[in-house]
């Protein structure tokens, strides 16, 4: 069962195929460099499908971020797992034009708290490119701390640890 979560400004809901075009535009853009991209259509679809499949495989996964005020989808937040992730990862992305409003922090906090309360998880990590300072600030606002000894997804990653 994929939850729908609500915050003061946001509704977090299951991804649907209609979400893919905006997601694919982000993943094909230069902004995707912080996530190992840019990605072609095939790779972006594979990542999108991974995010949705995590719900069936692990009981957690990605949720799309909609604004209560307009219903517009502004990004995604998720908990990823599997052989490409040394630990369960709390991640977020926002579409262009929606950064700087606290949406990533609000959405990630809601999913983190759901994971603690519903899955009884006690820790998560966030992997990020060292040049992605905006994402590092989100992790720090969430209370995560840099863990230089944590296993990394990529050799140059920073790993922020969330204790739930």
N, C-alpha and C. Protein backbone atom coordinates (compact mmCIF):
# COMPACT_ATOMS: atom_id res chain seq x y z
N UNK A 1 0.85 -1.19 0.00
CA UNK A 1 0.00 0.00 0.00
C UNK A 1 0.88 1.24 0.00
N UNK A 2 0.74 2.05 -1.01
CA UNK A 2 1.51 3.29 -1.10
C UNK A 2 0.72 4.39 -0.40
N UNK A 3 1.33 5.02 0.59
CA UNK A 3 0.59 6.05 1.34
C UNK A 3 0.47 7.35 0.56
N UNK A 4 -0.49 8.14 0.93
CA UNK A 4 -0.56 9.54 0.54
C UNK A 4 -0.33 10.32 1.82
N UNK A 5 0.67 11.18 1.80
CA UNK A 5 1.02 11.97 2.97
C UNK A 5 0.68 13.43 2.69
N UNK A 6 0.36 14.15 3.75
CA UNK A 6 -0.01 15.55 3.59
C UNK A 6 0.74 16.39 4.60
N UNK A 7 1.20 17.55 4.15
CA UNK A 7 1.82 18.54 5.03
C UNK A 7 1.01 19.83 4.88
N UNK A 8 1.48 20.88 5.49
CA UNK A 8 0.76 22.15 5.40
C UNK A 8 0.59 22.60 3.95
N UNK A 9 1.61 22.41 3.12
CA UNK A 9 1.56 22.92 1.76
C UNK A 9 1.57 21.85 0.68
N UNK A 10 1.85 20.60 1.07
CA UNK A 10 2.14 19.58 0.08
C UNK A 10 1.30 18.33 0.25
N UNK A 11 1.08 17.67 -0.87
CA UNK A 11 0.48 16.33 -0.89
C UNK A 11 1.51 15.42 -1.56
N UNK A 12 1.90 14.36 -0.88
CA UNK A 12 2.85 13.38 -1.39
C UNK A 12 2.06 12.15 -1.79
N UNK A 13 2.18 11.76 -3.06
CA UNK A 13 1.33 10.69 -3.59
C UNK A 13 2.13 9.78 -4.50
N UNK A 14 1.54 8.64 -4.80
CA UNK A 14 2.18 7.64 -5.66
C UNK A 14 2.44 8.21 -7.06
N UNK A 15 3.56 7.82 -7.64
CA UNK A 15 3.82 8.23 -9.03
C UNK A 15 2.88 7.53 -10.00
N UNK A 16 2.55 8.21 -11.07
CA UNK A 16 1.74 7.65 -12.15
C UNK A 16 2.45 7.94 -13.48
N UNK A 17 2.12 7.22 -14.54
CA UNK A 17 2.81 7.44 -15.82
C UNK A 17 2.79 8.89 -16.31
N UNK A 18 1.72 9.62 -16.01
CA UNK A 18 1.65 11.02 -16.45
C UNK A 18 2.70 11.90 -15.78
N UNK A 19 3.33 11.43 -14.72
CA UNK A 19 4.39 12.19 -14.05
C UNK A 19 5.72 12.09 -14.81
N UNK A 20 5.85 11.12 -15.69
CA UNK A 20 7.14 10.88 -16.31
C UNK A 20 7.65 12.01 -17.20
N UNK A 21 6.86 12.67 -18.03
CA UNK A 21 7.43 13.70 -18.90
C UNK A 21 8.20 14.79 -18.14
N UNK A 22 7.65 15.31 -17.07
CA UNK A 22 8.36 16.34 -16.29
C UNK A 22 9.61 15.75 -15.64
N UNK A 23 9.49 14.55 -15.13
CA UNK A 23 10.63 13.86 -14.52
C UNK A 23 11.73 13.66 -15.56
N UNK A 24 11.36 13.21 -16.74
CA UNK A 24 12.34 12.97 -17.80
C UNK A 24 13.02 14.26 -18.23
N UNK A 25 12.30 15.37 -18.28
CA UNK A 25 12.92 16.65 -18.64
C UNK A 25 14.00 17.02 -17.63
N UNK A 26 13.72 16.83 -16.34
CA UNK A 26 14.74 17.12 -15.32
C UNK A 26 15.93 16.19 -15.50
N UNK A 27 15.67 14.91 -15.68
CA UNK A 27 16.76 13.94 -15.76
C UNK A 27 17.61 14.12 -17.03
N UNK A 28 17.07 14.75 -18.06
CA UNK A 28 17.82 15.02 -19.29
C UNK A 28 18.55 16.36 -19.23
N UNK A 29 18.26 17.15 -18.22
CA UNK A 29 18.82 18.50 -18.13
C UNK A 29 20.18 18.51 -17.44
N UNK A 30 20.93 19.60 -17.58
CA UNK A 30 22.20 19.72 -16.86
C UNK A 30 22.06 19.61 -15.34
N UNK A 31 20.89 19.91 -14.80
CA UNK A 31 20.68 19.81 -13.36
C UNK A 31 20.83 18.37 -12.86
N UNK A 32 20.65 17.40 -13.75
CA UNK A 32 20.76 15.99 -13.36
C UNK A 32 22.21 15.57 -13.09
N UNK A 33 23.17 16.46 -13.34
CA UNK A 33 24.58 16.13 -13.08
C UNK A 33 24.80 15.79 -11.62
N UNK A 34 23.98 16.33 -10.74
CA UNK A 34 24.10 16.03 -9.31
C UNK A 34 23.57 14.64 -8.97
N UNK A 35 22.92 13.99 -9.94
CA UNK A 35 22.35 12.66 -9.74
C UNK A 35 22.94 11.65 -10.71
N UNK A 36 24.12 11.94 -11.23
CA UNK A 36 24.78 11.02 -12.14
C UNK A 36 24.43 11.20 -13.60
N UNK A 37 23.59 12.18 -13.92
CA UNK A 37 23.14 12.41 -15.27
C UNK A 37 23.98 13.47 -15.97
N UNK A 38 23.41 14.02 -17.01
CA UNK A 38 22.08 13.83 -17.57
C UNK A 38 21.88 12.43 -18.14
N UNK A 39 20.59 12.05 -18.21
CA UNK A 39 20.20 10.71 -18.64
C UNK A 39 19.40 10.77 -19.92
N UNK A 40 19.57 9.74 -20.76
CA UNK A 40 18.72 9.62 -21.94
C UNK A 40 17.36 9.07 -21.50
N UNK A 41 16.46 8.98 -22.44
CA UNK A 41 15.08 8.53 -22.16
C UNK A 41 15.07 7.16 -21.49
N UNK A 42 15.82 6.22 -22.01
CA UNK A 42 15.84 4.85 -21.49
C UNK A 42 16.30 4.82 -20.02
N UNK A 43 17.37 5.54 -19.72
CA UNK A 43 17.89 5.56 -18.35
C UNK A 43 16.93 6.28 -17.39
N UNK A 44 16.36 7.39 -17.84
CA UNK A 44 15.41 8.12 -16.99
C UNK A 44 14.20 7.25 -16.68
N UNK A 45 13.71 6.51 -17.68
CA UNK A 45 12.57 5.62 -17.45
C UNK A 45 12.94 4.53 -16.46
N UNK A 46 14.13 3.98 -16.59
CA UNK A 46 14.57 2.94 -15.65
C UNK A 46 14.62 3.44 -14.22
N UNK A 47 15.12 4.64 -14.02
CA UNK A 47 15.19 5.20 -12.66
C UNK A 47 13.78 5.48 -12.13
N UNK A 48 12.92 6.04 -12.99
CA UNK A 48 11.54 6.30 -12.60
C UNK A 48 10.85 5.01 -12.18
N UNK A 49 11.05 3.95 -12.97
CA UNK A 49 10.44 2.65 -12.65
C UNK A 49 11.03 2.07 -11.37
N UNK A 50 12.33 2.23 -11.15
CA UNK A 50 12.94 1.78 -9.90
C UNK A 50 12.26 2.45 -8.71
N UNK A 51 12.05 3.76 -8.83
CA UNK A 51 11.44 4.52 -7.73
C UNK A 51 10.05 3.98 -7.39
N UNK A 52 9.29 3.61 -8.42
CA UNK A 52 7.96 3.05 -8.19
C UNK A 52 8.03 1.60 -7.70
N UNK A 53 8.96 0.81 -8.26
CA UNK A 53 9.07 -0.61 -7.90
C UNK A 53 9.53 -0.81 -6.47
N UNK A 54 10.24 0.15 -5.91
CA UNK A 54 10.69 0.00 -4.52
C UNK A 54 9.51 -0.25 -3.57
N UNK A 55 8.33 0.29 -3.89
CA UNK A 55 7.17 0.06 -3.02
C UNK A 55 6.85 -1.43 -2.93
N UNK A 56 6.84 -2.11 -4.05
CA UNK A 56 6.55 -3.54 -4.06
C UNK A 56 7.69 -4.35 -3.46
N UNK A 57 8.90 -3.98 -3.77
CA UNK A 57 10.06 -4.76 -3.33
C UNK A 57 10.44 -4.54 -1.88
N UNK A 58 10.30 -3.31 -1.39
CA UNK A 58 10.83 -2.96 -0.07
C UNK A 58 9.82 -2.34 0.88
N UNK A 59 8.64 -2.00 0.41
CA UNK A 59 7.64 -1.37 1.28
C UNK A 59 7.83 0.13 1.43
N UNK A 60 8.69 0.70 0.62
CA UNK A 60 8.89 2.15 0.57
C UNK A 60 9.36 2.48 -0.84
N UNK A 61 9.31 3.75 -1.20
CA UNK A 61 9.72 4.15 -2.54
C UNK A 61 9.53 5.63 -2.72
N UNK A 62 9.23 6.04 -3.94
CA UNK A 62 9.11 7.46 -4.27
C UNK A 62 7.66 7.92 -4.18
N UNK A 63 7.52 9.19 -3.82
CA UNK A 63 6.25 9.88 -3.84
C UNK A 63 6.43 11.18 -4.61
N UNK A 64 5.46 11.52 -5.38
CA UNK A 64 5.49 12.78 -6.11
C UNK A 64 5.02 13.89 -5.16
N UNK A 65 5.54 15.07 -5.36
CA UNK A 65 5.24 16.22 -4.50
C UNK A 65 4.30 17.16 -5.25
N UNK A 66 3.07 17.26 -4.78
CA UNK A 66 2.08 18.18 -5.36
C UNK A 66 1.83 19.32 -4.40
N UNK A 67 1.61 20.51 -4.95
CA UNK A 67 1.22 21.66 -4.13
C UNK A 67 -0.28 21.57 -3.83
N UNK A 68 -0.63 21.74 -2.55
CA UNK A 68 -2.06 21.79 -2.20
C UNK A 68 -2.75 22.93 -2.94
N UNK A 69 -2.08 24.06 -3.06
CA UNK A 69 -2.71 25.27 -3.58
C UNK A 69 -3.11 25.16 -5.04
N UNK A 70 -2.33 24.42 -5.86
CA UNK A 70 -2.60 24.37 -7.30
C UNK A 70 -2.75 22.95 -7.84
N UNK A 71 -2.30 21.95 -7.08
CA UNK A 71 -2.28 20.58 -7.56
C UNK A 71 -1.08 20.28 -8.45
N UNK A 72 -0.26 21.28 -8.72
CA UNK A 72 0.89 21.09 -9.60
C UNK A 72 1.95 20.20 -8.95
N UNK A 73 2.51 19.29 -9.74
CA UNK A 73 3.60 18.44 -9.27
C UNK A 73 4.90 19.22 -9.39
N UNK A 74 5.65 19.31 -8.28
CA UNK A 74 6.87 20.12 -8.26
C UNK A 74 8.13 19.30 -8.07
N UNK A 75 7.99 17.98 -7.91
CA UNK A 75 9.18 17.15 -7.75
C UNK A 75 8.84 15.80 -7.16
N UNK A 76 9.85 15.21 -6.54
CA UNK A 76 9.73 13.86 -6.00
C UNK A 76 10.59 13.73 -4.74
N UNK A 77 10.13 12.90 -3.83
CA UNK A 77 10.89 12.52 -2.65
C UNK A 77 10.78 11.01 -2.54
N UNK A 78 11.81 10.36 -2.05
CA UNK A 78 11.73 8.91 -1.98
C UNK A 78 12.74 8.27 -1.05
N UNK A 79 12.47 7.03 -0.75
CA UNK A 79 13.42 6.18 -0.03
C UNK A 79 13.77 5.05 -0.97
N UNK A 80 15.05 4.99 -1.34
CA UNK A 80 15.54 4.00 -2.28
C UNK A 80 16.33 2.92 -1.56
N UNK A 81 16.33 1.73 -2.15
CA UNK A 81 17.10 0.60 -1.62
C UNK A 81 17.43 -0.31 -2.79
N UNK A 82 18.22 -1.33 -2.51
CA UNK A 82 18.58 -2.29 -3.53
C UNK A 82 20.09 -2.34 -3.69
N UNK A 83 20.57 -3.11 -4.66
CA UNK A 83 22.00 -3.35 -4.78
C UNK A 83 22.83 -2.12 -5.13
N UNK A 84 22.21 -1.07 -5.62
CA UNK A 84 22.96 0.15 -5.94
C UNK A 84 23.08 1.10 -4.76
N UNK A 85 22.47 0.75 -3.64
CA UNK A 85 22.41 1.62 -2.47
C UNK A 85 22.99 0.88 -1.26
N UNK A 86 24.16 1.29 -0.77
CA UNK A 86 24.73 0.62 0.41
C UNK A 86 23.79 0.65 1.62
N UNK A 87 23.01 1.73 1.76
CA UNK A 87 22.02 1.85 2.84
C UNK A 87 20.76 2.47 2.24
N UNK A 88 19.67 2.39 2.97
CA UNK A 88 18.43 3.02 2.50
C UNK A 88 18.65 4.53 2.42
N UNK A 89 18.30 5.07 1.25
CA UNK A 89 18.56 6.49 1.00
C UNK A 89 17.28 7.30 0.96
N UNK A 90 17.28 8.40 1.68
CA UNK A 90 16.24 9.42 1.58
C UNK A 90 16.73 10.46 0.58
N UNK A 91 16.00 10.59 -0.52
CA UNK A 91 16.40 11.53 -1.56
C UNK A 91 15.25 12.42 -1.98
N UNK A 92 15.60 13.50 -2.67
CA UNK A 92 14.59 14.46 -3.11
C UNK A 92 15.08 15.13 -4.38
N UNK A 93 14.14 15.60 -5.16
CA UNK A 93 14.44 16.42 -6.32
C UNK A 93 13.28 17.36 -6.55
N UNK A 94 13.59 18.55 -7.01
CA UNK A 94 12.57 19.53 -7.34
C UNK A 94 12.75 19.95 -8.80
N UNK A 95 11.64 20.20 -9.45
CA UNK A 95 11.68 20.67 -10.82
C UNK A 95 12.08 22.15 -10.83
N UNK A 96 12.62 22.57 -11.97
CA UNK A 96 13.12 23.94 -12.10
C UNK A 96 12.03 24.95 -11.76
N UNK A 97 12.41 25.95 -10.99
CA UNK A 97 11.50 27.00 -10.60
C UNK A 97 10.85 26.80 -9.24
N UNK A 98 11.06 25.64 -8.62
CA UNK A 98 10.43 25.35 -7.33
C UNK A 98 11.44 25.25 -6.19
N UNK A 99 12.70 25.52 -6.49
CA UNK A 99 13.73 25.48 -5.46
C UNK A 99 13.62 26.73 -4.57
N UNK A 100 14.15 26.61 -3.36
CA UNK A 100 14.24 27.77 -2.49
C UNK A 100 12.99 28.11 -1.71
N UNK A 101 11.97 27.27 -1.78
CA UNK A 101 10.72 27.52 -1.06
C UNK A 101 10.51 26.58 0.10
N UNK A 102 11.47 25.71 0.37
CA UNK A 102 11.35 24.77 1.48
C UNK A 102 10.56 23.52 1.15
N UNK A 103 10.18 23.33 -0.12
CA UNK A 103 9.38 22.16 -0.49
C UNK A 103 10.15 20.86 -0.28
N UNK A 104 11.43 20.83 -0.64
CA UNK A 104 12.22 19.60 -0.47
C UNK A 104 12.33 19.23 1.00
N UNK A 105 12.61 20.20 1.84
CA UNK A 105 12.73 19.94 3.28
C UNK A 105 11.41 19.45 3.85
N UNK A 106 10.33 20.10 3.49
CA UNK A 106 9.00 19.73 4.00
C UNK A 106 8.62 18.32 3.57
N UNK A 107 8.83 18.01 2.30
CA UNK A 107 8.48 16.69 1.77
C UNK A 107 9.37 15.61 2.38
N UNK A 108 10.68 15.85 2.44
CA UNK A 108 11.61 14.85 2.99
C UNK A 108 11.34 14.61 4.47
N UNK A 109 11.02 15.64 5.22
CA UNK A 109 10.70 15.46 6.64
C UNK A 109 9.45 14.60 6.80
N UNK A 110 8.45 14.82 5.97
CA UNK A 110 7.22 14.03 6.06
C UNK A 110 7.49 12.57 5.74
N UNK A 111 8.27 12.28 4.70
CA UNK A 111 8.56 10.90 4.35
C UNK A 111 9.47 10.25 5.39
N UNK A 112 10.45 10.98 5.87
CA UNK A 112 11.33 10.47 6.93
C UNK A 112 10.51 10.08 8.16
N UNK A 113 9.61 10.95 8.58
CA UNK A 113 8.79 10.67 9.76
C UNK A 113 7.85 9.49 9.52
N UNK A 114 7.31 9.37 8.31
CA UNK A 114 6.48 8.22 7.97
C UNK A 114 7.31 6.94 8.07
N UNK A 115 8.54 6.96 7.56
CA UNK A 115 9.41 5.77 7.61
C UNK A 115 9.72 5.38 9.05
N UNK A 116 9.92 6.35 9.89
CA UNK A 116 10.18 6.07 11.31
C UNK A 116 8.93 5.46 11.96
N UNK A 117 7.78 6.08 11.74
CA UNK A 117 6.56 5.67 12.43
C UNK A 117 5.93 4.41 11.83
N UNK A 118 5.95 4.27 10.52
CA UNK A 118 5.28 3.14 9.87
C UNK A 118 6.18 1.95 9.63
N UNK A 119 7.44 2.19 9.33
CA UNK A 119 8.38 1.10 9.03
C UNK A 119 9.33 0.81 10.18
N UNK A 120 9.27 1.65 11.20
CA UNK A 120 10.19 1.55 12.35
C UNK A 120 11.66 1.61 11.92
N UNK A 121 11.95 2.36 10.86
CA UNK A 121 13.34 2.58 10.48
C UNK A 121 13.99 3.49 11.52
N UNK A 122 15.26 3.25 11.77
CA UNK A 122 15.97 4.07 12.77
C UNK A 122 17.03 4.95 12.13
N UNK A 123 17.34 4.71 10.84
CA UNK A 123 18.32 5.55 10.17
C UNK A 123 18.13 5.48 8.66
N UNK A 124 18.53 6.54 8.04
CA UNK A 124 18.57 6.67 6.58
C UNK A 124 19.82 7.46 6.25
N UNK A 125 20.22 7.42 5.00
CA UNK A 125 21.30 8.29 4.54
C UNK A 125 20.82 9.06 3.32
N UNK A 126 21.52 10.13 3.01
CA UNK A 126 21.31 10.87 1.77
C UNK A 126 22.66 10.99 1.10
N UNK A 127 22.76 10.45 -0.11
CA UNK A 127 23.98 10.53 -0.91
C UNK A 127 23.89 11.77 -1.79
N UNK A 128 25.00 12.51 -1.90
CA UNK A 128 24.94 13.67 -2.78
C UNK A 128 26.30 14.05 -3.33
N UNK A 129 26.23 14.66 -4.48
CA UNK A 129 27.40 15.21 -5.13
C UNK A 129 27.95 16.34 -4.25
N UNK A 130 29.27 16.42 -4.05
CA UNK A 130 29.83 17.48 -3.20
C UNK A 130 29.51 18.89 -3.69
N UNK A 131 29.22 19.06 -4.96
CA UNK A 131 28.90 20.40 -5.47
C UNK A 131 27.42 20.75 -5.30
N UNK A 132 26.61 19.83 -4.84
CA UNK A 132 25.19 20.08 -4.67
C UNK A 132 24.94 20.70 -3.29
N UNK A 133 25.35 21.95 -3.14
CA UNK A 133 25.25 22.61 -1.84
C UNK A 133 23.81 22.83 -1.40
N UNK A 134 22.90 23.04 -2.35
CA UNK A 134 21.49 23.22 -1.98
C UNK A 134 20.94 21.96 -1.33
N UNK A 135 21.29 20.80 -1.88
CA UNK A 135 20.83 19.54 -1.30
C UNK A 135 21.47 19.29 0.06
N UNK A 136 22.72 19.67 0.21
CA UNK A 136 23.38 19.53 1.52
C UNK A 136 22.68 20.39 2.57
N UNK A 137 22.24 21.57 2.18
CA UNK A 137 21.52 22.43 3.14
C UNK A 137 20.19 21.79 3.54
N UNK A 138 19.51 21.13 2.59
CA UNK A 138 18.27 20.42 2.94
C UNK A 138 18.57 19.34 3.97
N UNK A 139 19.59 18.53 3.71
CA UNK A 139 19.96 17.47 4.66
C UNK A 139 20.25 18.04 6.04
N UNK A 140 20.97 19.13 6.09
CA UNK A 140 21.30 19.75 7.38
C UNK A 140 20.06 20.30 8.07
N UNK A 141 19.14 20.91 7.30
CA UNK A 141 17.89 21.40 7.91
C UNK A 141 17.07 20.24 8.47
N UNK A 142 17.21 19.06 7.88
CA UNK A 142 16.51 17.87 8.37
C UNK A 142 17.19 17.27 9.61
N UNK A 143 18.34 17.81 9.98
CA UNK A 143 19.06 17.31 11.15
C UNK A 143 20.09 16.24 10.82
N UNK A 144 20.31 15.95 9.55
CA UNK A 144 21.30 14.94 9.17
C UNK A 144 22.71 15.51 9.36
N UNK A 145 23.64 14.61 9.63
CA UNK A 145 25.03 15.02 9.81
C UNK A 145 25.91 14.28 8.81
N UNK A 146 26.95 14.95 8.38
CA UNK A 146 27.90 14.37 7.44
C UNK A 146 28.58 13.18 8.10
N UNK A 147 28.62 12.05 7.39
CA UNK A 147 29.24 10.82 7.90
C UNK A 147 30.34 10.40 6.93
N UNK A 148 31.58 10.86 7.15
CA UNK A 148 32.66 10.56 6.21
C UNK A 148 33.04 9.08 6.16
N UNK A 149 32.64 8.29 7.15
CA UNK A 149 32.99 6.87 7.20
C UNK A 149 31.93 5.96 6.60
N UNK A 150 30.81 6.53 6.17
CA UNK A 150 29.71 5.72 5.62
C UNK A 150 30.09 5.16 4.26
N UNK A 151 29.60 3.96 3.93
CA UNK A 151 29.79 3.44 2.57
C UNK A 151 29.12 4.39 1.58
N UNK A 152 29.73 4.53 0.42
CA UNK A 152 29.26 5.49 -0.56
C UNK A 152 28.72 4.80 -1.80
N UNK A 153 27.78 5.45 -2.44
CA UNK A 153 27.25 4.99 -3.71
C UNK A 153 28.28 5.22 -4.82
N UNK A 154 28.87 6.40 -4.82
CA UNK A 154 29.94 6.78 -5.74
C UNK A 154 31.11 7.29 -4.90
N UNK A 155 32.34 7.09 -5.35
CA UNK A 155 33.52 7.43 -4.52
C UNK A 155 33.56 8.88 -4.03
N UNK A 156 33.03 9.81 -4.83
CA UNK A 156 33.10 11.22 -4.44
C UNK A 156 31.89 11.71 -3.65
N UNK A 157 30.89 10.86 -3.43
CA UNK A 157 29.68 11.27 -2.73
C UNK A 157 29.97 11.80 -1.34
N UNK A 158 29.14 12.72 -0.91
CA UNK A 158 29.00 13.04 0.51
C UNK A 158 27.85 12.18 1.02
N UNK A 159 27.95 11.72 2.26
CA UNK A 159 26.89 10.91 2.85
C UNK A 159 26.42 11.63 4.12
N UNK A 160 25.16 12.00 4.12
CA UNK A 160 24.55 12.60 5.30
C UNK A 160 23.72 11.52 5.98
N UNK A 161 23.88 11.39 7.28
CA UNK A 161 23.17 10.37 8.05
C UNK A 161 22.02 11.00 8.82
N UNK A 162 20.85 10.39 8.68
CA UNK A 162 19.64 10.79 9.41
C UNK A 162 19.41 9.76 10.50
N UNK A 163 19.38 10.17 11.74
CA UNK A 163 18.99 9.30 12.84
C UNK A 163 17.53 9.62 13.14
N UNK A 164 16.66 8.62 13.01
CA UNK A 164 15.22 8.87 13.11
C UNK A 164 14.70 8.74 14.53
